[in-house]
């Protein structure tokens, strides 16, 4: 949860590189893999498999959310800020729903 809060705050800073830039991608995939490994450890699953799946999910989600945000701005007429806030709301709602299930 702390990683998510930090990402939400950092995403608003102008000095933060584009989410699809190599340094940002490495960070996202690494944190995704680490989160998957920790979850697997807590629930008794395969740490390696969970890390690989979560890292791949982080990579896919990065590009999917980037494209959805771009489309919301270009085709939906939303400003970049509005599209970003919409994206944040969707992510928070999904995280909240997943947390209630766990």
PDB file of N, CA and C in Angstrom:
ATOM      1  N   UNK A   1       0.816  -1.185   0.000  1.00  0.00           N
ATOM      2  CA  UNK A   1       0.000   0.000   0.000  1.00  0.00           C
ATOM      3  C   UNK A   1       0.866   1.256   0.000  1.00  0.00           C
ATOM      4  N   UNK A   2       1.993   1.195   0.689  1.00  0.00           N
ATOM      5  CA  UNK A   2       2.893   2.343   0.737  1.00  0.00           C
ATOM      6  C   UNK A   2       3.457   2.647  -0.646  1.00  0.00           C
ATOM      7  N   UNK A   3       3.769   1.590  -1.426  1.00  0.00           N
ATOM      8  CA  UNK A   3       4.268   1.802  -2.787  1.00  0.00           C
ATOM      9  C   UNK A   3       3.220   2.500  -3.638  1.00  0.00           C
ATOM     10  N   UNK A   4       1.976   2.104  -3.484  1.00  0.00           N
ATOM     11  CA  UNK A   4       0.894   2.700  -4.273  1.00  0.00           C
ATOM     12  C   UNK A   4       0.730   4.176  -3.930  1.00  0.00           C
ATOM     13  N   UNK A   5       0.772   4.514  -2.654  1.00  0.00           N
ATOM     14  CA  UNK A   5       0.638   5.909  -2.237  1.00  0.00           C
ATOM     15  C   UNK A   5       1.807   6.739  -2.756  1.00  0.00           C
ATOM     16  N   UNK A   6       3.009   6.182  -2.686  1.00  0.00           N
ATOM     17  CA  UNK A   6       4.183   6.894  -3.192  1.00  0.00           C
ATOM     18  C   UNK A   6       4.091   7.109  -4.699  1.00  0.00           C
ATOM     19  N   UNK A   7       3.594   6.106  -5.411  1.00  0.00           N
ATOM     20  CA  UNK A   7       3.455   6.235  -6.867  1.00  0.00           C
ATOM     21  C   UNK A   7       2.425   7.288  -7.225  1.00  0.00           C
ATOM     22  N   UNK A   8       1.319   7.319  -6.502  1.00  0.00           N
ATOM     23  CA  UNK A   8       0.283   8.327  -6.754  1.00  0.00           C
ATOM     24  C   UNK A   8       0.840   9.733  -6.578  1.00  0.00           C
ATOM     25  N   UNK A   9       1.620   9.935  -5.531  1.00  0.00           N
ATOM     26  CA  UNK A   9       2.193  11.253  -5.272  1.00  0.00           C
ATOM     27  C   UNK A   9       3.291  11.586  -6.277  1.00  0.00           C
ATOM     28  N   UNK A  10       4.184  10.648  -6.526  1.00  0.00           N
ATOM     29  CA  UNK A  10       5.304  10.903  -7.426  1.00  0.00           C
ATOM     30  C   UNK A  10       4.860  11.133  -8.862  1.00  0.00           C
ATOM     31  N   UNK A  11       3.773  10.493  -9.254  1.00  0.00           N
ATOM     32  CA  UNK A  11       3.267  10.609 -10.624  1.00  0.00           C
ATOM     33  C   UNK A  11       2.894  12.050 -10.969  1.00  0.00           C
ATOM     34  N   UNK A  12       2.627  12.861  -9.956  1.00  0.00           N
ATOM     35  CA  UNK A  12       2.211  14.242 -10.188  1.00  0.00           C
ATOM     36  C   UNK A  12       3.397  15.194 -10.338  1.00  0.00           C
ATOM     37  N   UNK A  13       4.592  14.740 -10.019  1.00  0.00           N
ATOM     38  CA  UNK A  13       5.760  15.609 -10.065  1.00  0.00           C
ATOM     39  C   UNK A  13       6.293  15.743 -11.495  1.00  0.00           C
ATOM     40  N   UNK A  14       6.616  16.976 -11.916  1.00  0.00           N
ATOM     41  CA  UNK A  14       7.107  17.168 -13.283  1.00  0.00           C
ATOM     42  C   UNK A  14       8.475  16.534 -13.543  1.00  0.00           C
ATOM     43  N   UNK A  15       9.243  16.275 -12.500  1.00  0.00           N
ATOM     44  CA  UNK A  15      10.578  15.703 -12.668  1.00  0.00           C
ATOM     45  C   UNK A  15      10.568  14.187 -12.867  1.00  0.00           C
ATOM     46  N   UNK A  16       9.418  13.558 -12.655  1.00  0.00           N
ATOM     47  CA  UNK A  16       9.321  12.104 -12.791  1.00  0.00           C
ATOM     48  C   UNK A  16       9.280  11.743 -14.280  1.00  0.00           C
ATOM     49  N   UNK A  17      10.121  10.793 -14.707  1.00  0.00           N
ATOM     50  CA  UNK A  17      10.139  10.429 -16.128  1.00  0.00           C
ATOM     51  C   UNK A  17       8.850   9.727 -16.557  1.00  0.00           C
ATOM     52  N   UNK A  18       8.626   9.693 -17.854  1.00  0.00           N
ATOM     53  CA  UNK A  18       7.486   9.000 -18.430  1.00  0.00           C
ATOM     54  C   UNK A  18       7.470   7.567 -17.926  1.00  0.00           C
ATOM     55  N   UNK A  19       6.292   7.041 -17.624  1.00  0.00           N
ATOM     56  CA  UNK A  19       6.171   5.689 -17.061  1.00  0.00           C
ATOM     57  C   UNK A  19       6.700   4.596 -17.975  1.00  0.00           C
ATOM     58  N   UNK A  20       6.797   4.878 -19.268  1.00  0.00           N
ATOM     59  CA  UNK A  20       7.296   3.870 -20.204  1.00  0.00           C
ATOM     60  C   UNK A  20       8.785   4.040 -20.510  1.00  0.00           C
ATOM     61  N   UNK A  21       9.441   4.990 -19.857  1.00  0.00           N
ATOM     62  CA  UNK A  21      10.890   5.135 -20.050  1.00  0.00           C
ATOM     63  C   UNK A  21      11.592   3.959 -19.363  1.00  0.00           C
ATOM     64  N   UNK A  22      12.752   3.572 -19.862  1.00  0.00           N
ATOM     65  CA  UNK A  22      13.444   2.406 -19.274  1.00  0.00           C
ATOM     66  C   UNK A  22      13.628   2.464 -17.753  1.00  0.00           C
ATOM     67  N   UNK A  23      14.089   3.584 -17.167  1.00  0.00           N
ATOM     68  CA  UNK A  23      14.255   3.576 -15.704  1.00  0.00           C
ATOM     69  C   UNK A  23      12.929   3.370 -14.964  1.00  0.00           C
ATOM     70  N   UNK A  24      11.878   4.002 -15.446  1.00  0.00           N
ATOM     71  CA  UNK A  24      10.576   3.852 -14.785  1.00  0.00           C
ATOM     72  C   UNK A  24      10.050   2.433 -14.952  1.00  0.00           C
ATOM     73  N   UNK A  25      10.229   1.853 -16.129  1.00  0.00           N
ATOM     74  CA  UNK A  25       9.784   0.477 -16.367  1.00  0.00           C
ATOM     75  C   UNK A  25      10.505  -0.507 -15.455  1.00  0.00           C
ATOM     76  N   UNK A  26      11.810  -0.323 -15.335  1.00  0.00           N
ATOM     77  CA  UNK A  26      12.585  -1.214 -14.459  1.00  0.00           C
ATOM     78  C   UNK A  26      12.061  -1.128 -13.031  1.00  0.00           C
ATOM     79  N   UNK A  27      11.800   0.074 -12.563  1.00  0.00           N
ATOM     80  CA  UNK A  27      11.273   0.250 -11.213  1.00  0.00           C
ATOM     81  C   UNK A  27       9.911  -0.393 -11.035  1.00  0.00           C
ATOM     82  N   UNK A  28       9.024  -0.191 -12.001  1.00  0.00           N
ATOM     83  CA  UNK A  28       7.675  -0.756 -11.909  1.00  0.00           C
ATOM     84  C   UNK A  28       7.709  -2.281 -11.931  1.00  0.00           C
ATOM     85  N   UNK A  29       8.496  -2.835 -12.828  1.00  0.00           N
ATOM     86  CA  UNK A  29       8.571  -4.297 -12.928  1.00  0.00           C
ATOM     87  C   UNK A  29       9.227  -4.883 -11.672  1.00  0.00           C
ATOM     88  N   UNK A  30      10.261  -4.230 -11.192  1.00  0.00           N
ATOM     89  CA  UNK A  30      10.945  -4.702  -9.984  1.00  0.00           C
ATOM     90  C   UNK A  30      10.017  -4.672  -8.769  1.00  0.00           C
ATOM     91  N   UNK A  31       9.300  -3.562  -8.591  1.00  0.00           N
ATOM     92  CA  UNK A  31       8.377  -3.475  -7.459  1.00  0.00           C
ATOM     93  C   UNK A  31       7.213  -4.446  -7.616  1.00  0.00           C
ATOM     94  N   UNK A  32       6.751  -4.637  -8.846  1.00  0.00           N
ATOM     95  CA  UNK A  32       5.690  -5.618  -9.082  1.00  0.00           C
ATOM     96  C   UNK A  32       6.148  -7.022  -8.727  1.00  0.00           C
ATOM     97  N   UNK A  33       7.347  -7.369  -9.183  1.00  0.00           N
ATOM     98  CA  UNK A  33       7.890  -8.698  -8.896  1.00  0.00           C
ATOM     99  C   UNK A  33       8.098  -8.893  -7.396  1.00  0.00           C
ATOM    100  N   UNK A  34       8.605  -7.863  -6.735  1.00  0.00           N
ATOM    101  CA  UNK A  34       8.821  -7.954  -5.287  1.00  0.00           C
ATOM    102  C   UNK A  34       7.485  -8.125  -4.553  1.00  0.00           C
ATOM    103  N   UNK A  35       6.473  -7.393  -4.993  1.00  0.00           N
ATOM    104  CA  UNK A  35       5.150  -7.519  -4.370  1.00  0.00           C
ATOM    105  C   UNK A  35       4.587  -8.924  -4.566  1.00  0.00           C
ATOM    106  N   UNK A  36       4.741  -9.460  -5.777  1.00  0.00           N
ATOM    107  CA  UNK A  36       4.275 -10.822  -6.045  1.00  0.00           C
ATOM    108  C   UNK A  36       5.000 -11.846  -5.188  1.00  0.00           C
ATOM    109  N   UNK A  37       6.310 -11.679  -5.060  1.00  0.00           N
ATOM    110  CA  UNK A  37       7.099 -12.608  -4.249  1.00  0.00           C
ATOM    111  C   UNK A  37       6.677 -12.550  -2.778  1.00  0.00           C
ATOM    112  N   UNK A  38       6.455 -11.341  -2.269  1.00  0.00           N
ATOM    113  CA  UNK A  38       6.028 -11.198  -0.873  1.00  0.00           C
ATOM    114  C   UNK A  38       4.653 -11.812  -0.647  1.00  0.00           C
ATOM    115  N   UNK A  39       3.753 -11.615  -1.591  1.00  0.00           N
ATOM    116  CA  UNK A  39       2.414 -12.202  -1.463  1.00  0.00           C
ATOM    117  C   UNK A  39       2.492 -13.724  -1.488  1.00  0.00           C
ATOM    118  N   UNK A  40       3.314 -14.265  -2.381  1.00  0.00           N
ATOM    119  CA  UNK A  40       3.459 -15.720  -2.463  1.00  0.00           C
ATOM    120  C   UNK A  40       4.040 -16.277  -1.167  1.00  0.00           C
ATOM    121  N   UNK A  41       4.993 -15.570  -0.635  1.00  0.00           N
ATOM    122  CA  UNK A  41       5.598 -16.010   0.623  1.00  0.00           C
ATOM    123  C   UNK A  41       4.577 -16.016   1.751  1.00  0.00           C
ATOM    124  N   UNK A  42       3.746 -14.992   1.777  1.00  0.00           N
ATOM    125  CA  UNK A  42       2.736 -14.885   2.831  1.00  0.00           C
ATOM    126  C   UNK A  42       1.650 -15.950   2.710  1.00  0.00           C
ATOM    127  N   UNK A  43       1.345 -16.348   1.466  1.00  0.00           N
ATOM    128  CA  UNK A  43       0.252 -17.306   1.249  1.00  0.00           C
ATOM    129  C   UNK A  43       0.737 -18.704   0.862  1.00  0.00           C
ATOM    130  N   UNK A  44       2.048 -18.921   0.900  1.00  0.00           N
ATOM    131  CA  UNK A  44       2.579 -20.252   0.668  1.00  0.00           C
ATOM    132  C   UNK A  44       2.674 -20.670  -0.790  1.00  0.00           C
ATOM    133  N   UNK A  45       2.703 -19.725  -1.700  1.00  0.00           N
ATOM    134  CA  UNK A  45       2.821 -20.053  -3.124  1.00  0.00           C
ATOM    135  C   UNK A  45       4.270 -20.044  -3.575  1.00  0.00           C
ATOM    136  N   UNK A  46       4.463 -20.292  -4.843  1.00  0.00           N
ATOM    137  CA  UNK A  46       5.804 -20.272  -5.418  1.00  0.00           C
ATOM    138  C   UNK A  46       6.266 -18.828  -5.568  1.00  0.00           C
ATOM    139  N   UNK A  47       7.331 -18.486  -4.885  1.00  0.00           N
ATOM    140  CA  UNK A  47       7.862 -17.129  -4.914  1.00  0.00           C
ATOM    141  C   UNK A  47       8.335 -16.767  -6.323  1.00  0.00           C
ATOM    142  N   UNK A  48       9.011 -17.680  -6.983  1.00  0.00           N
ATOM    143  CA  UNK A  48       9.544 -17.401  -8.322  1.00  0.00           C
ATOM    144  C   UNK A  48       8.418 -17.189  -9.325  1.00  0.00           C
ATOM    145  N   UNK A  49       7.444 -18.087  -9.327  1.00  0.00           N
ATOM    146  CA  UNK A  49       6.322 -17.964 -10.262  1.00  0.00           C
ATOM    147  C   UNK A  49       5.555 -16.668  -9.998  1.00  0.00           C
ATOM    148  N   UNK A  50       5.292 -16.373  -8.743  1.00  0.00           N
ATOM    149  CA  UNK A  50       4.554 -15.153  -8.401  1.00  0.00           C
ATOM    150  C   UNK A  50       5.329 -13.906  -8.809  1.00  0.00           C
ATOM    151  N   UNK A  51       6.636 -13.912  -8.587  1.00  0.00           N
ATOM    152  CA  UNK A  51       7.454 -12.762  -8.968  1.00  0.00           C
ATOM    153  C   UNK A  51       7.427 -12.561 -10.483  1.00  0.00           C
ATOM    154  N   UNK A  52       7.546 -13.649 -11.232  1.00  0.00           N
ATOM    155  CA  UNK A  52       7.514 -13.536 -12.698  1.00  0.00           C
ATOM    156  C   UNK A  52       6.152 -13.056 -13.196  1.00  0.00           C
ATOM    157  N   UNK A  53       5.092 -13.612 -12.652  1.00  0.00           N
ATOM    158  CA  UNK A  53       3.745 -13.208 -13.069  1.00  0.00           C
ATOM    159  C   UNK A  53       3.449 -11.754 -12.689  1.00  0.00           C
ATOM    160  N   UNK A  54       3.809 -11.374 -11.478  1.00  0.00           N
ATOM    161  CA  UNK A  54       3.541 -10.004 -11.034  1.00  0.00           C
ATOM    162  C   UNK A  54       4.393  -8.999 -11.799  1.00  0.00           C
ATOM    163  N   UNK A  55       5.629  -9.347 -12.096  1.00  0.00           N
ATOM    164  CA  UNK A  55       6.477  -8.457 -12.899  1.00  0.00           C
ATOM    165  C   UNK A  55       5.915  -8.283 -14.297  1.00  0.00           C
ATOM    166  N   UNK A  56       5.451  -9.376 -14.892  1.00  0.00           N
ATOM    167  CA  UNK A  56       4.841  -9.303 -16.228  1.00  0.00           C
ATOM    168  C   UNK A  56       3.544  -8.502 -16.183  1.00  0.00           C
ATOM    169  N   UNK A  57       2.770  -8.666 -15.123  1.00  0.00           N
ATOM    170  CA  UNK A  57       1.525  -7.908 -14.981  1.00  0.00           C
ATOM    171  C   UNK A  57       1.821  -6.416 -14.835  1.00  0.00           C
ATOM    172  N   UNK A  58       2.859  -6.080 -14.099  1.00  0.00           N
ATOM    173  CA  UNK A  58       3.240  -4.674 -13.945  1.00  0.00           C
ATOM    174  C   UNK A  58       3.644  -4.072 -15.287  1.00  0.00           C
ATOM    175  N   UNK A  59       4.382  -4.835 -16.069  1.00  0.00           N
ATOM    176  CA  UNK A  59       4.798  -4.368 -17.402  1.00  0.00           C
ATOM    177  C   UNK A  59       3.582  -4.149 -18.296  1.00  0.00           C
ATOM    178  N   UNK A  60       2.695  -5.121 -18.335  1.00  0.00           N
ATOM    179  CA  UNK A  60       1.495  -5.008 -19.175  1.00  0.00           C
ATOM    180  C   UNK A  60       0.599  -3.863 -18.699  1.00  0.00           C
ATOM    181  N   UNK A  61       0.423  -3.742 -17.403  1.00  0.00           N
ATOM    182  CA  UNK A  61      -0.432  -2.680 -16.858  1.00  0.00           C
ATOM    183  C   UNK A  61       0.142  -1.297 -17.132  1.00  0.00           C
ATOM    184  N   UNK A  62       1.459  -1.201 -17.138  1.00  0.00           N
ATOM    185  CA  UNK A  62       2.096   0.087 -17.432  1.00  0.00           C
ATOM    186  C   UNK A  62       1.717   0.567 -18.822  1.00  0.00           C
ATOM    187  N   UNK A  63       1.858  -0.313 -19.805  1.00  0.00           N
ATOM    188  CA  UNK A  63       1.544   0.085 -21.182  1.00  0.00           C
ATOM    189  C   UNK A  63       0.043   0.226 -21.410  1.00  0.00           C
ATOM    190  N   UNK A  64      -0.755  -0.619 -20.781  1.00  0.00           N
ATOM    191  CA  UNK A  64      -2.207  -0.525 -20.936  1.00  0.00           C
ATOM    192  C   UNK A  64      -2.728   0.780 -20.349  1.00  0.00           C
ATOM    193  N   UNK A  65      -2.285   1.118 -19.147  1.00  0.00           N
ATOM    194  CA  UNK A  65      -2.770   2.347 -18.520  1.00  0.00           C
ATOM    195  C   UNK A  65      -2.265   3.579 -19.262  1.00  0.00           C
ATOM    196  N   UNK A  66      -1.056   3.507 -19.790  1.00  0.00           N
ATOM    197  CA  UNK A  66      -0.515   4.615 -20.580  1.00  0.00           C
ATOM    198  C   UNK A  66      -1.378   4.864 -21.817  1.00  0.00           C
ATOM    199  N   UNK A  67      -1.733   3.794 -22.509  1.00  0.00           N
ATOM    200  CA  UNK A  67      -2.557   3.931 -23.715  1.00  0.00           C
ATOM    201  C   UNK A  67      -3.973   4.391 -23.387  1.00  0.00           C
ATOM    202  N   UNK A  68      -4.548   3.860 -22.314  1.00  0.00           N
ATOM    203  CA  UNK A  68      -5.896   4.288 -21.915  1.00  0.00           C
ATOM    204  C   UNK A  68      -5.915   5.766 -21.527  1.00  0.00           C
ATOM    205  N   UNK A  69      -4.896   6.197 -20.827  1.00  0.00           N
ATOM    206  CA  UNK A  69      -4.812   7.613 -20.444  1.00  0.00           C
ATOM    207  C   UNK A  69      -4.665   8.497 -21.680  1.00  0.00           C
ATOM    208  N   UNK A  70      -3.853   8.051 -22.628  1.00  0.00           N
ATOM    209  CA  UNK A  70      -3.664   8.799 -23.869  1.00  0.00           C
ATOM    210  C   UNK A  70      -4.977   8.887 -24.644  1.00  0.00           C
ATOM    211  N   UNK A  71      -5.687   7.773 -24.739  1.00  0.00           N
ATOM    212  CA  UNK A  71      -6.972   7.766 -25.443  1.00  0.00           C
ATOM    213  C   UNK A  71      -8.007   8.646 -24.755  1.00  0.00           C
ATOM    214  N   UNK A  72      -8.023   8.637 -23.429  1.00  0.00           N
ATOM    215  CA  UNK A  72      -8.959   9.480 -22.694  1.00  0.00           C
ATOM    216  C   UNK A  72      -8.708  10.955 -22.986  1.00  0.00           C
ATOM    217  N   UNK A  73      -7.438  11.302 -23.156  1.00  0.00           N
ATOM    218  CA  UNK A  73      -7.096  12.687 -23.479  1.00  0.00           C
ATOM    219  C   UNK A  73      -7.419  13.019 -24.928  1.00  0.00           C
ATOM    220  N   UNK A  74      -6.986  12.165 -25.844  1.00  0.00           N
ATOM    221  CA  UNK A  74      -7.142  12.458 -27.268  1.00  0.00           C
ATOM    222  C   UNK A  74      -8.577  12.313 -27.752  1.00  0.00           C
ATOM    223  N   UNK A  75      -9.203  11.197 -27.444  1.00  0.00           N
ATOM    224  CA  UNK A  75     -10.549  10.927 -27.968  1.00  0.00           C
ATOM    225  C   UNK A  75     -11.658  11.330 -27.017  1.00  0.00           C
ATOM    226  N   UNK A  76     -11.365  11.311 -25.734  1.00  0.00           N
ATOM    227  CA  UNK A  76     -12.390  11.647 -24.758  1.00  0.00           C
ATOM    228  C   UNK A  76     -12.441  13.124 -24.430  1.00  0.00           C
ATOM    229  N   UNK A  77     -11.463  13.868 -24.924  1.00  0.00           N
ATOM    230  CA  UNK A  77     -11.449  15.302 -24.691  1.00  0.00           C
ATOM    231  C   UNK A  77     -11.030  15.713 -23.292  1.00  0.00           C
ATOM    232  N   UNK A  78     -10.486  14.781 -22.516  1.00  0.00           N
ATOM    233  CA  UNK A  78     -10.047  15.114 -21.162  1.00  0.00           C
ATOM    234  C   UNK A  78      -8.664  15.737 -21.204  1.00  0.00           C
ATOM    235  N   UNK A  79      -8.422  16.661 -20.302  1.00  0.00           N
ATOM    236  CA  UNK A  79      -7.072  17.190 -20.168  1.00  0.00           C
ATOM    237  C   UNK A  79      -6.183  16.077 -19.609  1.00  0.00           C
ATOM    238  N   UNK A  80      -4.900  16.241 -19.731  1.00  0.00           N
ATOM    239  CA  UNK A  80      -3.972  15.240 -19.193  1.00  0.00           C
ATOM    240  C   UNK A  80      -4.171  15.082 -17.689  1.00  0.00           C
ATOM    241  N   UNK A  81      -4.408  16.195 -17.005  1.00  0.00           N
ATOM    242  CA  UNK A  81      -4.631  16.154 -15.560  1.00  0.00           C
ATOM    243  C   UNK A  81      -5.907  15.397 -15.224  1.00  0.00           C
ATOM    244  N   UNK A  82      -6.986  15.688 -15.948  1.00  0.00           N
ATOM    245  CA  UNK A  82      -8.255  15.001 -15.700  1.00  0.00           C
ATOM    246  C   UNK A  82      -8.126  13.508 -15.995  1.00  0.00           C
ATOM    247  N   UNK A  83      -7.444  13.167 -17.076  1.00  0.00           N
ATOM    248  CA  UNK A  83      -7.242  11.758 -17.410  1.00  0.00           C
ATOM    249  C   UNK A  83      -6.422  11.069 -16.321  1.00  0.00           C
ATOM    250  N   UNK A  84      -5.415  11.764 -15.801  1.00  0.00           N
ATOM    251  CA  UNK A  84      -4.607  11.205 -14.714  1.00  0.00           C
ATOM    252  C   UNK A  84      -5.408  10.986 -13.446  1.00  0.00           C
ATOM    253  N   UNK A  85      -6.265  11.942 -13.123  1.00  0.00           N
ATOM    254  CA  UNK A  85      -7.110  11.790 -11.932  1.00  0.00           C
ATOM    255  C   UNK A  85      -8.115  10.656 -12.108  1.00  0.00           C
ATOM    256  N   UNK A  86      -8.651  10.524 -13.310  1.00  0.00           N
ATOM    257  CA  UNK A  86      -9.558   9.414 -13.597  1.00  0.00           C
ATOM    258  C   UNK A  86      -8.827   8.079 -13.453  1.00  0.00           C
ATOM    259  N   UNK A  87      -7.622   8.024 -13.988  1.00  0.00           N
ATOM    260  CA  UNK A  87      -6.814   6.809 -13.873  1.00  0.00           C
ATOM    261  C   UNK A  87      -6.558   6.478 -12.405  1.00  0.00           C
ATOM    262  N   UNK A  88      -6.211   7.490 -11.606  1.00  0.00           N
ATOM    263  CA  UNK A  88      -5.964   7.273 -10.184  1.00  0.00           C
ATOM    264  C   UNK A  88      -7.215   6.746  -9.483  1.00  0.00           C
ATOM    265  N   UNK A  89      -8.364   7.294  -9.820  1.00  0.00           N
ATOM    266  CA  UNK A  89      -9.622   6.852  -9.204  1.00  0.00           C
ATOM    267  C   UNK A  89      -9.910   5.393  -9.533  1.00  0.00           C
ATOM    268  N   UNK A  90      -9.675   5.001 -10.781  1.00  0.00           N
ATOM    269  CA  UNK A  90      -9.901   3.609 -11.193  1.00  0.00           C
ATOM    270  C   UNK A  90      -8.952   2.674 -10.442  1.00  0.00           C
ATOM    271  N   UNK A  91      -7.700   3.054 -10.353  1.00  0.00           N
ATOM    272  CA  UNK A  91      -6.708   2.222  -9.666  1.00  0.00           C
ATOM    273  C   UNK A  91      -7.049   2.101  -8.175  1.00  0.00           C
ATOM    274  N   UNK A  92      -7.425   3.203  -7.554  1.00  0.00           N
ATOM    275  CA  UNK A  92      -7.783   3.153  -6.130  1.00  0.00           C
ATOM    276  C   UNK A  92      -9.013   2.291  -5.895  1.00  0.00           C
ATOM    277  N   UNK A  93      -9.996   2.391  -6.761  1.00  0.00           N
ATOM    278  CA  UNK A  93     -11.201   1.566  -6.616  1.00  0.00           C
ATOM    279  C   UNK A  93     -10.863   0.086  -6.773  1.00  0.00           C
ATOM    280  N   UNK A  94     -10.027  -0.238  -7.752  1.00  0.00           N
ATOM    281  CA  UNK A  94      -9.634  -1.633  -7.965  1.00  0.00           C
ATOM    282  C   UNK A  94      -8.829  -2.161  -6.775  1.00  0.00           C
ATOM    283  N   UNK A  95      -7.895  -1.362  -6.283  1.00  0.00           N
ATOM    284  CA  UNK A  95      -7.079  -1.779  -5.139  1.00  0.00           C
ATOM    285  C   UNK A  95      -7.945  -1.978  -3.898  1.00  0.00           C
ATOM    286  N   UNK A  96      -8.895  -1.082  -3.700  1.00  0.00           N
ATOM    287  CA  UNK A  96      -9.795  -1.209  -2.562  1.00  0.00           C
ATOM    288  C   UNK A  96     -10.634  -2.485  -2.649  1.00  0.00           C
ATOM    289  N   UNK A  97     -11.146  -2.774  -3.839  1.00  0.00           N
ATOM    290  CA  UNK A  97     -11.947  -3.989  -4.030  1.00  0.00           C
ATOM    291  C   UNK A  97     -11.099  -5.239  -3.792  1.00  0.00           C
ATOM    292  N   UNK A  98      -9.870  -5.232  -4.275  1.00  0.00           N
ATOM    293  CA  UNK A  98      -8.990  -6.389  -4.077  1.00  0.00           C
ATOM    294  C   UNK A  98      -8.623  -6.549  -2.602  1.00  0.00           C
ATOM    295  N   UNK A  99      -8.398  -5.442  -1.925  1.00  0.00           N
ATOM    296  CA  UNK A  99      -8.033  -5.499  -0.499  1.00  0.00           C
ATOM    297  C   UNK A  99      -9.189  -6.077   0.333  1.00  0.00           C
ATOM    298  N   UNK A 100     -10.412  -5.737  -0.036  1.00  0.00           N
ATOM    299  CA  UNK A 100     -11.569  -6.278   0.703  1.00  0.00           C
ATOM    300  C   UNK A 100     -11.708  -7.786   0.502  1.00  0.00           C
ATOM    301  N   UNK A 101     -11.314  -8.264  -0.677  1.00  0.00           N
ATOM    302  CA  UNK A 101     -11.401  -9.700  -0.957  1.00  0.00           C
ATOM    303  C   UNK A 101     -10.357 -10.489  -0.206  1.00  0.00           C
ATOM    304  N   UNK A 102      -9.189  -9.871   0.028  1.00  0.00           N
ATOM    305  CA  UNK A 102      -8.063 -10.572   0.643  1.00  0.00           C
ATOM    306  C   UNK A 102      -8.196 -10.655   2.081  1.00  0.00           C
TER     307      UNK A 102
END
